Amino acid sequence: MSLLLDIGQGAGLAGASGVRPFLPPLLAGALARGDIGLDFDGSGWEFLESPGFLLAVLALAVVSYIAERSGADRRVLGLATGVIAVVLGALLFAGSLAAGNRSAILGIVAGILCAALAYAAVSGLLERARRRLEEGAAALLTAYADAAALVLAAIAIFVAPVAFLALGAFAVLLVRGRGQGDRKYAGLRILR
């Protein structure tokens, strides 16, 4: 049962990082520093709860938010965010497995896959929503994604098996999003 919990926790944290990469490692690191819900001490992955690592993630978050608000190229920013999400997801999954005395190598590979799945599903959803919303409302999408990532990370830490449901939801979201992207909107054809 412990292996299932470690995998669920790692998958949930990696998926949460794929949704938005910055708050899940900050939450996990802060909780791990207090040994609340997870603990990386003695696993070889102690750096995930070190002040230096947490400050680096916080600095990346601030730079990312400034770049988003400054009107930077959305494609470049999306690519950079995706890379950061995959790296942090891999680290968190590996750290979760290593904290449970499991092989971190498998966690890195699985973390990459989970974070990439979540990033592909959610970034596509946010892009489709952004196109349909006014500029003011579209700006709130990042805040909603941050909140969802934080909630998913907390669920992964405290109720690890539930995180598997999130991975299933990401897969469904990705498949449905791709299917909707192939269809043309025909809502106003009736008016001809």
N, C-alpha and C. Protein backbone atom coordinates (compact mmCIF):
# COMPACT_ATOMS: atom_id res chain seq x y z
N MET A 1 0.83 -1.19 0.00
CA MET A 1 0.00 0.00 0.00
C MET A 1 0.87 1.26 0.00
N SER A 2 2.00 1.22 0.67
CA SER A 2 2.88 2.39 0.73
C SER A 2 3.38 2.78 -0.65
N LEU A 3 3.68 1.80 -1.50
CA LEU A 3 4.13 2.10 -2.85
C LEU A 3 3.04 2.84 -3.62
N LEU A 4 1.81 2.41 -3.48
CA LEU A 4 0.69 3.07 -4.15
C LEU A 4 0.55 4.52 -3.67
N LEU A 5 0.73 4.74 -2.38
CA LEU A 5 0.65 6.10 -1.84
C LEU A 5 1.79 6.97 -2.37
N ASP A 6 3.00 6.40 -2.41
CA ASP A 6 4.14 7.16 -2.93
C ASP A 6 3.96 7.51 -4.40
N ILE A 7 3.44 6.56 -5.18
CA ILE A 7 3.21 6.82 -6.60
C ILE A 7 2.09 7.85 -6.77
N GLY A 8 1.02 7.71 -6.01
CA GLY A 8 -0.07 8.68 -6.08
C GLY A 8 0.39 10.08 -5.71
N GLN A 9 1.18 10.17 -4.66
CA GLN A 9 1.69 11.48 -4.25
C GLN A 9 2.60 12.08 -5.33
N GLY A 10 3.49 11.26 -5.85
CA GLY A 10 4.39 11.75 -6.90
C GLY A 10 3.65 12.14 -8.16
N ALA A 11 2.69 11.30 -8.56
CA ALA A 11 1.91 11.59 -9.78
C ALA A 11 1.09 12.87 -9.60
N GLY A 12 0.50 13.02 -8.44
CA GLY A 12 -0.29 14.22 -8.18
C GLY A 12 0.55 15.49 -8.15
N LEU A 13 1.71 15.41 -7.52
CA LEU A 13 2.60 16.58 -7.47
C LEU A 13 3.13 16.92 -8.87
N ALA A 14 3.48 15.89 -9.64
CA ALA A 14 3.96 16.13 -11.00
C ALA A 14 2.84 16.71 -11.86
N GLY A 15 1.64 16.16 -11.74
CA GLY A 15 0.50 16.69 -12.49
C GLY A 15 0.17 18.12 -12.09
N ALA A 16 0.24 18.41 -10.79
CA ALA A 16 -0.01 19.77 -10.33
C ALA A 16 1.04 20.73 -10.90
N SER A 17 2.27 20.28 -11.00
CA SER A 17 3.32 21.11 -11.59
C SER A 17 3.07 21.32 -13.07
N GLY A 18 2.45 20.35 -13.72
CA GLY A 18 2.10 20.51 -15.12
C GLY A 18 0.99 21.52 -15.33
N VAL A 19 0.09 21.64 -14.36
CA VAL A 19 -0.98 22.63 -14.46
C VAL A 19 -0.38 24.03 -14.38
N ARG A 20 0.39 24.29 -13.35
CA ARG A 20 1.16 25.53 -13.16
C ARG A 20 2.37 25.13 -12.33
N PRO A 21 3.58 25.44 -12.76
CA PRO A 21 4.76 24.80 -12.19
C PRO A 21 5.26 25.34 -10.86
N PHE A 22 4.84 26.48 -10.39
CA PHE A 22 5.55 27.11 -9.29
C PHE A 22 5.00 26.82 -7.90
N LEU A 23 3.70 26.87 -7.73
CA LEU A 23 3.14 26.69 -6.38
C LEU A 23 3.25 25.26 -5.84
N PRO A 24 3.09 24.20 -6.65
CA PRO A 24 3.23 22.86 -6.08
C PRO A 24 4.59 22.57 -5.43
N PRO A 25 5.74 22.90 -6.06
CA PRO A 25 7.00 22.66 -5.36
C PRO A 25 7.18 23.54 -4.13
N LEU A 26 6.63 24.75 -4.17
CA LEU A 26 6.71 25.61 -2.99
C LEU A 26 5.90 25.03 -1.84
N LEU A 27 4.70 24.54 -2.13
CA LEU A 27 3.88 23.92 -1.09
C LEU A 27 4.54 22.65 -0.56
N ALA A 28 4.99 21.79 -1.48
CA ALA A 28 5.62 20.53 -1.06
C ALA A 28 6.87 20.80 -0.24
N GLY A 29 7.69 21.74 -0.67
CA GLY A 29 8.91 22.05 0.06
C GLY A 29 8.63 22.64 1.43
N ALA A 30 7.65 23.54 1.50
CA ALA A 30 7.31 24.15 2.79
C ALA A 30 6.76 23.10 3.76
N LEU A 31 5.88 22.23 3.28
CA LEU A 31 5.34 21.18 4.15
C LEU A 31 6.42 20.18 4.55
N ALA A 32 7.31 19.85 3.61
CA ALA A 32 8.39 18.90 3.91
C ALA A 32 9.36 19.48 4.94
N ARG A 33 9.57 20.79 4.91
CA ARG A 33 10.44 21.42 5.91
C ARG A 33 9.88 21.19 7.31
N GLY A 34 8.57 21.19 7.44
CA GLY A 34 7.93 20.95 8.73
C GLY A 34 7.55 19.50 8.94
N ASP A 35 7.95 18.62 8.02
CA ASP A 35 7.61 17.19 8.07
C ASP A 35 6.10 16.97 8.18
N ILE A 36 5.36 17.73 7.40
CA ILE A 36 3.91 17.63 7.39
C ILE A 36 3.49 17.01 6.07
N GLY A 37 3.05 15.77 6.10
CA GLY A 37 2.56 15.10 4.91
C GLY A 37 3.63 14.44 4.07
N LEU A 38 4.82 15.00 4.03
CA LEU A 38 5.94 14.40 3.32
C LEU A 38 7.24 14.91 3.91
N ASP A 39 8.30 14.17 3.66
CA ASP A 39 9.60 14.51 4.23
C ASP A 39 10.69 13.97 3.31
N PHE A 40 11.50 14.86 2.79
CA PHE A 40 12.57 14.44 1.88
C PHE A 40 13.89 14.17 2.61
N ASP A 41 13.95 14.40 3.92
CA ASP A 41 15.19 14.17 4.68
C ASP A 41 15.63 12.72 4.58
N GLY A 42 16.92 12.54 4.35
CA GLY A 42 17.49 11.20 4.29
C GLY A 42 17.23 10.45 3.01
N SER A 43 16.64 11.11 2.02
CA SER A 43 16.29 10.43 0.78
C SER A 43 17.26 10.74 -0.36
N GLY A 44 18.15 11.68 -0.14
CA GLY A 44 19.00 12.15 -1.22
C GLY A 44 18.35 13.28 -2.00
N TRP A 45 17.13 13.62 -1.67
CA TRP A 45 16.39 14.68 -2.35
C TRP A 45 16.02 15.80 -1.37
N GLU A 46 16.86 15.97 -0.35
CA GLU A 46 16.62 16.98 0.68
C GLU A 46 16.58 18.39 0.10
N PHE A 47 17.25 18.58 -1.03
CA PHE A 47 17.28 19.92 -1.62
C PHE A 47 15.89 20.42 -1.98
N LEU A 48 14.92 19.52 -2.18
CA LEU A 48 13.56 19.94 -2.52
C LEU A 48 12.89 20.73 -1.40
N GLU A 49 13.42 20.61 -0.19
CA GLU A 49 12.87 21.38 0.92
C GLU A 49 13.86 22.42 1.44
N SER A 50 14.96 22.61 0.73
CA SER A 50 15.97 23.58 1.17
C SER A 50 15.52 25.00 0.84
N PRO A 51 15.90 25.95 1.67
CA PRO A 51 15.53 27.34 1.39
C PRO A 51 16.07 27.84 0.04
N GLY A 52 17.25 27.40 -0.34
CA GLY A 52 17.82 27.83 -1.62
C GLY A 52 16.97 27.39 -2.80
N PHE A 53 16.53 26.14 -2.80
CA PHE A 53 15.69 25.63 -3.88
C PHE A 53 14.36 26.36 -3.90
N LEU A 54 13.76 26.54 -2.73
CA LEU A 54 12.46 27.21 -2.67
C LEU A 54 12.57 28.66 -3.12
N LEU A 55 13.66 29.34 -2.77
CA LEU A 55 13.86 30.71 -3.24
C LEU A 55 14.06 30.75 -4.76
N ALA A 56 14.76 29.77 -5.31
CA ALA A 56 14.96 29.71 -6.76
C ALA A 56 13.62 29.52 -7.47
N VAL A 57 12.76 28.65 -6.96
CA VAL A 57 11.44 28.44 -7.56
C VAL A 57 10.60 29.72 -7.43
N LEU A 58 10.69 30.37 -6.28
CA LEU A 58 9.96 31.63 -6.09
C LEU A 58 10.46 32.70 -7.07
N ALA A 59 11.76 32.77 -7.28
CA ALA A 59 12.32 33.74 -8.23
C ALA A 59 11.85 33.44 -9.65
N LEU A 60 11.81 32.15 -10.02
CA LEU A 60 11.29 31.78 -11.35
C LEU A 60 9.82 32.18 -11.49
N ALA A 61 9.06 32.01 -10.42
CA ALA A 61 7.64 32.38 -10.44
C ALA A 61 7.48 33.88 -10.66
N VAL A 62 8.27 34.68 -9.95
CA VAL A 62 8.18 36.13 -10.09
C VAL A 62 8.56 36.56 -11.51
N VAL A 63 9.64 35.99 -12.04
CA VAL A 63 10.06 36.32 -13.41
C VAL A 63 8.97 35.92 -14.40
N SER A 64 8.37 34.76 -14.20
CA SER A 64 7.31 34.30 -15.10
C SER A 64 6.10 35.22 -15.06
N TYR A 65 5.69 35.61 -13.86
CA TYR A 65 4.52 36.49 -13.75
C TYR A 65 4.80 37.87 -14.36
N ILE A 66 6.01 38.38 -14.18
CA ILE A 66 6.37 39.66 -14.79
C ILE A 66 6.35 39.54 -16.31
N ALA A 67 6.90 38.44 -16.82
CA ALA A 67 6.92 38.24 -18.27
C ALA A 67 5.51 38.12 -18.83
N GLU A 68 4.62 37.44 -18.12
CA GLU A 68 3.23 37.31 -18.58
C GLU A 68 2.55 38.67 -18.64
N ARG A 69 2.79 39.50 -17.64
CA ARG A 69 2.13 40.81 -17.58
C ARG A 69 2.74 41.80 -18.57
N SER A 70 3.99 41.59 -18.96
CA SER A 70 4.67 42.54 -19.84
C SER A 70 4.32 42.33 -21.31
N GLY A 71 3.57 41.29 -21.59
CA GLY A 71 3.18 41.04 -22.97
C GLY A 71 4.25 40.30 -23.76
N ALA A 72 5.05 39.50 -23.10
CA ALA A 72 6.08 38.71 -23.78
C ALA A 72 5.42 37.74 -24.76
N ASP A 73 6.20 37.27 -25.72
CA ASP A 73 5.71 36.33 -26.72
C ASP A 73 5.11 35.11 -26.01
N ARG A 74 3.82 34.89 -26.23
CA ARG A 74 3.09 33.83 -25.53
C ARG A 74 3.63 32.44 -25.84
N ARG A 75 4.08 32.22 -27.07
CA ARG A 75 4.60 30.90 -27.46
C ARG A 75 5.92 30.60 -26.73
N VAL A 76 6.81 31.59 -26.68
CA VAL A 76 8.10 31.40 -26.00
C VAL A 76 7.86 31.21 -24.51
N LEU A 77 7.00 32.02 -23.95
CA LEU A 77 6.68 31.91 -22.53
C LEU A 77 6.04 30.56 -22.22
N GLY A 78 5.15 30.09 -23.10
CA GLY A 78 4.52 28.79 -22.91
C GLY A 78 5.52 27.66 -22.98
N LEU A 79 6.47 27.74 -23.90
CA LEU A 79 7.50 26.72 -24.00
C LEU A 79 8.38 26.70 -22.77
N ALA A 80 8.79 27.88 -22.29
CA ALA A 80 9.62 27.96 -21.09
C ALA A 80 8.87 27.42 -19.87
N THR A 81 7.60 27.78 -19.75
CA THR A 81 6.79 27.29 -18.63
C THR A 81 6.63 25.78 -18.70
N GLY A 82 6.43 25.25 -19.91
CA GLY A 82 6.30 23.81 -20.07
C GLY A 82 7.57 23.06 -19.67
N VAL A 83 8.72 23.60 -20.04
CA VAL A 83 9.99 22.95 -19.66
C VAL A 83 10.17 22.98 -18.15
N ILE A 84 9.89 24.13 -17.54
CA ILE A 84 10.01 24.24 -16.08
C ILE A 84 9.03 23.29 -15.40
N ALA A 85 7.82 23.19 -15.92
CA ALA A 85 6.81 22.30 -15.34
C ALA A 85 7.27 20.84 -15.38
N VAL A 86 7.83 20.43 -16.51
CA VAL A 86 8.27 19.04 -16.65
C VAL A 86 9.45 18.75 -15.72
N VAL A 87 10.38 19.67 -15.63
CA VAL A 87 11.55 19.48 -14.75
C VAL A 87 11.11 19.40 -13.29
N LEU A 88 10.28 20.35 -12.86
CA LEU A 88 9.83 20.34 -11.46
C LEU A 88 8.95 19.13 -11.17
N GLY A 89 8.10 18.74 -12.12
CA GLY A 89 7.28 17.55 -11.94
C GLY A 89 8.13 16.30 -11.77
N ALA A 90 9.17 16.18 -12.59
CA ALA A 90 10.08 15.03 -12.49
C ALA A 90 10.79 15.02 -11.14
N LEU A 91 11.24 16.17 -10.69
CA LEU A 91 11.93 16.24 -9.39
C LEU A 91 11.00 15.87 -8.24
N LEU A 92 9.76 16.37 -8.28
CA LEU A 92 8.82 16.08 -7.19
C LEU A 92 8.42 14.61 -7.17
N PHE A 93 8.19 14.01 -8.34
CA PHE A 93 7.84 12.59 -8.39
C PHE A 93 9.01 11.75 -7.87
N ALA A 94 10.22 12.06 -8.33
CA ALA A 94 11.41 11.32 -7.89
C ALA A 94 11.62 11.49 -6.39
N GLY A 95 11.42 12.70 -5.90
CA GLY A 95 11.56 12.94 -4.46
C GLY A 95 10.54 12.18 -3.64
N SER A 96 9.31 12.10 -4.14
CA SER A 96 8.27 11.35 -3.42
C SER A 96 8.62 9.86 -3.34
N LEU A 97 9.10 9.30 -4.45
CA LEU A 97 9.49 7.89 -4.43
C LEU A 97 10.71 7.67 -3.55
N ALA A 98 11.69 8.56 -3.65
CA ALA A 98 12.90 8.41 -2.84
C ALA A 98 12.59 8.55 -1.35
N ALA A 99 11.65 9.41 -0.99
CA ALA A 99 11.27 9.56 0.41
C ALA A 99 10.65 8.27 0.95
N GLY A 100 10.05 7.48 0.07
CA GLY A 100 9.49 6.19 0.46
C GLY A 100 10.46 5.04 0.24
N ASN A 101 11.77 5.36 0.09
CA ASN A 101 12.83 4.37 -0.13
C ASN A 101 12.63 3.56 -1.40
N ARG A 102 12.22 4.26 -2.46
CA ARG A 102 12.03 3.65 -3.76
C ARG A 102 13.02 4.26 -4.76
N SER A 103 13.12 3.68 -5.92
CA SER A 103 14.03 4.17 -6.95
C SER A 103 13.56 5.50 -7.51
N ALA A 104 14.40 6.50 -7.43
CA ALA A 104 14.05 7.82 -7.93
C ALA A 104 14.10 7.89 -9.45
N ILE A 105 14.85 7.01 -10.09
CA ILE A 105 14.97 7.03 -11.55
C ILE A 105 13.60 6.84 -12.19
N LEU A 106 12.85 5.89 -11.70
CA LEU A 106 11.49 5.68 -12.25
C LEU A 106 10.61 6.90 -11.99
N GLY A 107 10.85 7.56 -10.88
CA GLY A 107 10.09 8.77 -10.56
C GLY A 107 10.37 9.90 -11.53
N ILE A 108 11.61 10.00 -11.98
CA ILE A 108 11.95 11.04 -12.95
C ILE A 108 11.20 10.81 -14.25
N VAL A 109 11.25 9.58 -14.74
CA VAL A 109 10.57 9.26 -16.00
C VAL A 109 9.06 9.45 -15.86
N ALA A 110 8.48 8.90 -14.80
CA ALA A 110 7.04 9.02 -14.61
C ALA A 110 6.64 10.47 -14.35
N GLY A 111 7.48 11.22 -13.65
CA GLY A 111 7.20 12.63 -13.40
C GLY A 111 7.17 13.45 -14.67
N ILE A 112 8.09 13.15 -15.58
CA ILE A 112 8.10 13.83 -16.88
C ILE A 112 6.79 13.55 -17.61
N LEU A 113 6.37 12.30 -17.62
CA LEU A 113 5.15 11.93 -18.33
C LEU A 113 3.91 12.57 -17.70
N CYS A 114 3.81 12.53 -16.37
CA CYS A 114 2.64 13.09 -15.70
C CYS A 114 2.57 14.60 -15.89
N ALA A 115 3.70 15.28 -15.72
CA ALA A 115 3.71 16.74 -15.88
C ALA A 115 3.42 17.13 -17.32
N ALA A 116 3.98 16.39 -18.27
CA ALA A 116 3.73 16.70 -19.69
C ALA A 116 2.26 16.49 -20.04
N LEU A 117 1.66 15.42 -19.53
CA LEU A 117 0.23 15.18 -19.77
C LEU A 117 -0.61 16.33 -19.23
N ALA A 118 -0.35 16.72 -17.99
CA ALA A 118 -1.12 17.80 -17.37
C ALA A 118 -0.89 19.11 -18.11
N TYR A 119 0.35 19.38 -18.47
CA TYR A 119 0.64 20.64 -19.17
C TYR A 119 -0.07 20.68 -20.53
N ALA A 120 0.01 19.60 -21.28
CA ALA A 120 -0.62 19.57 -22.60
C ALA A 120 -2.13 19.74 -22.48
N ALA A 121 -2.74 19.08 -21.51
CA ALA A 121 -4.20 19.17 -21.35
C ALA A 121 -4.64 20.55 -20.90
N VAL A 122 -3.99 21.07 -19.88
CA VAL A 122 -4.44 22.33 -19.29
C VAL A 122 -4.04 23.53 -20.14
N SER A 123 -2.86 23.51 -20.73
CA SER A 123 -2.46 24.65 -21.56
C SER A 123 -3.37 24.77 -22.78
N GLY A 124 -3.77 23.64 -23.34
CA GLY A 124 -4.71 23.67 -24.46
C GLY A 124 -6.06 24.22 -24.04
N LEU A 125 -6.53 23.80 -22.89
CA LEU A 125 -7.81 24.31 -22.36
C LEU A 125 -7.72 25.81 -22.12
N LEU A 126 -6.64 26.26 -21.49
CA LEU A 126 -6.50 27.69 -21.19
C LEU A 126 -6.40 28.51 -22.48
N GLU A 127 -5.72 27.99 -23.47
CA GLU A 127 -5.59 28.71 -24.73
C GLU A 127 -6.95 28.84 -25.43
N ARG A 128 -7.74 27.75 -25.42
CA ARG A 128 -9.07 27.82 -26.03
C ARG A 128 -9.96 28.80 -25.27
N ALA A 129 -9.88 28.78 -23.95
CA ALA A 129 -10.68 29.70 -23.13
C ALA A 129 -10.23 31.14 -23.33
N ARG A 130 -8.93 31.36 -23.42
CA ARG A 130 -8.38 32.71 -23.61
C ARG A 130 -8.89 33.34 -24.91
N ARG A 131 -9.03 32.54 -25.94
CA ARG A 131 -9.51 33.05 -27.24
C ARG A 131 -10.97 33.49 -27.16
N ARG A 132 -11.73 32.91 -26.28
CA ARG A 132 -13.17 33.21 -26.20
C ARG A 132 -13.51 34.29 -25.20
N LEU A 133 -12.58 34.63 -24.32
CA LEU A 133 -12.86 35.59 -23.26
C LEU A 133 -12.31 36.97 -23.60
N GLU A 134 -12.88 37.96 -22.95
CA GLU A 134 -12.35 39.31 -23.05
C GLU A 134 -11.01 39.35 -22.31
N GLU A 135 -10.22 40.39 -22.59
CA GLU A 135 -8.87 40.46 -22.05
C GLU A 135 -8.84 40.45 -20.52
N GLY A 136 -9.73 41.17 -19.88
CA GLY A 136 -9.75 41.23 -18.42
C GLY A 136 -10.07 39.88 -17.80
N ALA A 137 -11.05 39.20 -18.35
CA ALA A 137 -11.41 37.89 -17.84
C ALA A 137 -10.34 36.85 -18.15
N ALA A 138 -9.70 36.97 -19.31
CA ALA A 138 -8.65 36.02 -19.69
C ALA A 138 -7.46 36.12 -18.76
N ALA A 139 -7.21 37.32 -18.21
CA ALA A 139 -6.09 37.49 -17.29
C ALA A 139 -6.28 36.68 -16.01
N LEU A 140 -7.52 36.41 -15.67
CA LEU A 140 -7.79 35.63 -14.45
C LEU A 140 -7.53 34.13 -14.62
N LEU A 141 -7.40 33.67 -15.85
CA LEU A 141 -7.19 32.25 -16.08
C LEU A 141 -5.92 31.74 -15.40
N THR A 142 -4.87 32.54 -15.38
CA THR A 142 -3.64 32.14 -14.70
C THR A 142 -3.87 31.96 -13.21
N ALA A 143 -4.64 32.86 -12.62
CA ALA A 143 -4.94 32.74 -11.19
C ALA A 143 -5.76 31.48 -10.91
N TYR A 144 -6.70 31.16 -11.79
CA TYR A 144 -7.49 29.94 -11.62
C TYR A 144 -6.60 28.70 -11.75
N ALA A 145 -5.69 28.73 -12.72
CA ALA A 145 -4.78 27.60 -12.90
C ALA A 145 -3.86 27.45 -11.70
N ASP A 146 -3.38 28.56 -11.14
CA ASP A 146 -2.54 28.49 -9.94
C ASP A 146 -3.31 27.88 -8.77
N ALA A 147 -4.55 28.31 -8.61
CA ALA A 147 -5.38 27.77 -7.52
C ALA A 147 -5.61 26.27 -7.71
N ALA A 148 -5.90 25.87 -8.95
CA ALA A 148 -6.12 24.44 -9.22
C ALA A 148 -4.85 23.64 -8.96
N ALA A 149 -3.70 24.17 -9.34
CA ALA A 149 -2.43 23.47 -9.10
C ALA A 149 -2.17 23.33 -7.61
N LEU A 150 -2.45 24.37 -6.85
CA LEU A 150 -2.23 24.33 -5.41
C LEU A 150 -3.15 23.32 -4.73
N VAL A 151 -4.41 23.30 -5.14
CA VAL A 151 -5.37 22.34 -4.57
C VAL A 151 -4.97 20.91 -4.92
N LEU A 152 -4.58 20.68 -6.18
CA LEU A 152 -4.16 19.34 -6.59
C LEU A 152 -2.91 18.90 -5.84
N ALA A 153 -1.98 19.80 -5.62
CA ALA A 153 -0.77 19.46 -4.87
C ALA A 153 -1.13 19.09 -3.42
N ALA A 154 -2.03 19.83 -2.81
CA ALA A 154 -2.45 19.52 -1.43
C ALA A 154 -3.15 18.17 -1.38
N ILE A 155 -3.99 17.90 -2.37
CA ILE A 155 -4.67 16.60 -2.42
C ILE A 155 -3.64 15.48 -2.57
N ALA A 156 -2.65 15.69 -3.44
CA ALA A 156 -1.62 14.67 -3.66
C ALA A 156 -0.83 14.39 -2.39
N ILE A 157 -0.60 15.39 -1.60
CA ILE A 157 0.18 15.22 -0.37
C ILE A 157 -0.63 14.53 0.70
N PHE A 158 -1.88 14.94 0.87
CA PHE A 158 -2.67 14.45 2.00
C PHE A 158 -3.62 13.30 1.67
N VAL A 159 -4.05 13.17 0.42
CA VAL A 159 -4.96 12.10 0.00
C VAL A 159 -4.44 11.55 -1.32
N ALA A 160 -3.27 10.96 -1.28
CA ALA A 160 -2.52 10.59 -2.49
C ALA A 160 -3.31 9.77 -3.52
N PRO A 161 -4.10 8.76 -3.14
CA PRO A 161 -4.78 7.97 -4.17
C PRO A 161 -5.75 8.78 -5.04
N VAL A 162 -6.28 9.87 -4.52
CA VAL A 162 -7.21 10.69 -5.29
C VAL A 162 -6.50 11.35 -6.48
N ALA A 163 -5.18 11.50 -6.37
CA ALA A 163 -4.41 12.13 -7.45
C ALA A 163 -4.50 11.32 -8.75
N PHE A 164 -4.73 10.03 -8.66
CA PHE A 164 -4.88 9.22 -9.87
C PHE A 164 -6.09 9.68 -10.70
N LEU A 165 -7.12 10.15 -10.02
CA LEU A 165 -8.30 10.66 -10.72
C LEU A 165 -7.94 11.89 -11.56
N ALA A 166 -7.03 12.70 -11.04
CA ALA A 166 -6.60 13.89 -11.78
C ALA A 166 -5.90 13.50 -13.06
N LEU A 167 -5.08 12.46 -13.01
CA LEU A 167 -4.39 12.02 -14.23
C LEU A 167 -5.39 11.55 -15.27
N GLY A 168 -6.41 10.83 -14.83
CA GLY A 168 -7.47 10.41 -15.75
C GLY A 168 -8.20 11.61 -16.34
N ALA A 169 -8.45 12.60 -15.50
CA ALA A 169 -9.13 13.81 -15.98
C ALA A 169 -8.26 14.55 -17.00
N PHE A 170 -6.95 14.59 -16.76
CA PHE A 170 -6.05 15.24 -17.73
C PHE A 170 -6.09 14.51 -19.07
N ALA A 171 -6.11 13.19 -19.04
CA ALA A 171 -6.15 12.41 -20.28
C ALA A 171 -7.45 12.68 -21.04
N VAL A 172 -8.56 12.68 -20.33
CA VAL A 172 -9.86 12.96 -20.96
C VAL A 172 -9.88 14.37 -21.53
N LEU A 173 -9.39 15.31 -20.76
CA LEU A 173 -9.34 16.71 -21.21
C LEU A 173 -8.50 16.87 -22.46
N LEU A 174 -7.39 16.18 -22.52
CA LEU A 174 -6.51 16.25 -23.68
C LEU A 174 -7.19 15.67 -24.92
N VAL A 175 -7.80 14.50 -24.76
CA VAL A 175 -8.47 13.85 -25.90
C VAL A 175 -9.65 14.69 -26.38
N ARG A 176 -10.47 15.17 -25.46
CA ARG A 176 -11.63 15.97 -25.85
C ARG A 176 -11.21 17.30 -26.46
N GLY A 177 -10.15 17.88 -25.94
CA GLY A 177 -9.66 19.15 -26.47
C GLY A 177 -9.15 19.00 -27.88
N ARG A 178 -8.46 17.91 -28.15
CA ARG A 178 -7.97 17.67 -29.51
C ARG A 178 -9.14 17.44 -30.46
N GLY A 179 -10.16 16.74 -29.99
CA GLY A 179 -11.33 16.48 -30.83
C GLY A 179 -12.10 17.75 -31.14
N GLN A 180 -12.22 18.64 -30.18
CA GLN A 180 -12.91 19.90 -30.40
C GLN A 180 -12.12 20.83 -31.30
N GLY A 181 -10.79 20.72 -31.24
CA GLY A 181 -9.96 21.56 -32.09
C GLY A 181 -10.10 21.21 -33.55
N ASP A 182 -10.44 19.96 -33.85
CA ASP A 182 -10.60 19.51 -35.24
C ASP A 182 -11.94 19.91 -35.84
N ARG A 183 -12.94 20.16 -34.99
CA ARG A 183 -14.26 20.52 -35.48
C ARG A 183 -14.36 22.02 -35.69
N LYS A 184 -15.11 22.41 -36.65
CA LYS A 184 -15.35 23.83 -36.88
C LYS A 184 -16.60 24.23 -36.11
N TYR A 185 -16.58 25.46 -35.63
CA TYR A 185 -17.74 25.97 -34.93
C TYR A 185 -18.83 26.29 -35.94
N ALA A 186 -19.99 25.72 -35.74
CA ALA A 186 -21.08 25.88 -36.70
C ALA A 186 -22.30 26.56 -36.06
N GLY A 187 -22.08 27.30 -35.02
CA GLY A 187 -23.19 27.86 -34.27
C GLY A 187 -23.99 28.91 -35.01
N LEU A 188 -23.40 29.64 -35.94
CA LEU A 188 -24.13 30.72 -36.59
C LEU A 188 -24.53 30.40 -38.03
N ARG A 189 -24.34 29.22 -38.48
CA ARG A 189 -24.73 28.86 -39.84
C ARG A 189 -26.24 28.94 -40.04
N ILE A 190 -27.00 28.78 -39.01
CA ILE A 190 -28.45 28.79 -39.09
C ILE A 190 -28.96 30.16 -39.55
N LEU A 191 -28.22 31.21 -39.29
CA LEU A 191 -28.69 32.55 -39.58
C LEU A 191 -28.64 32.91 -41.06
N ARG A 192 -28.05 32.11 -41.89
CA ARG A 192 -27.98 32.42 -43.33
C ARG A 192 -29.30 32.44 -43.93
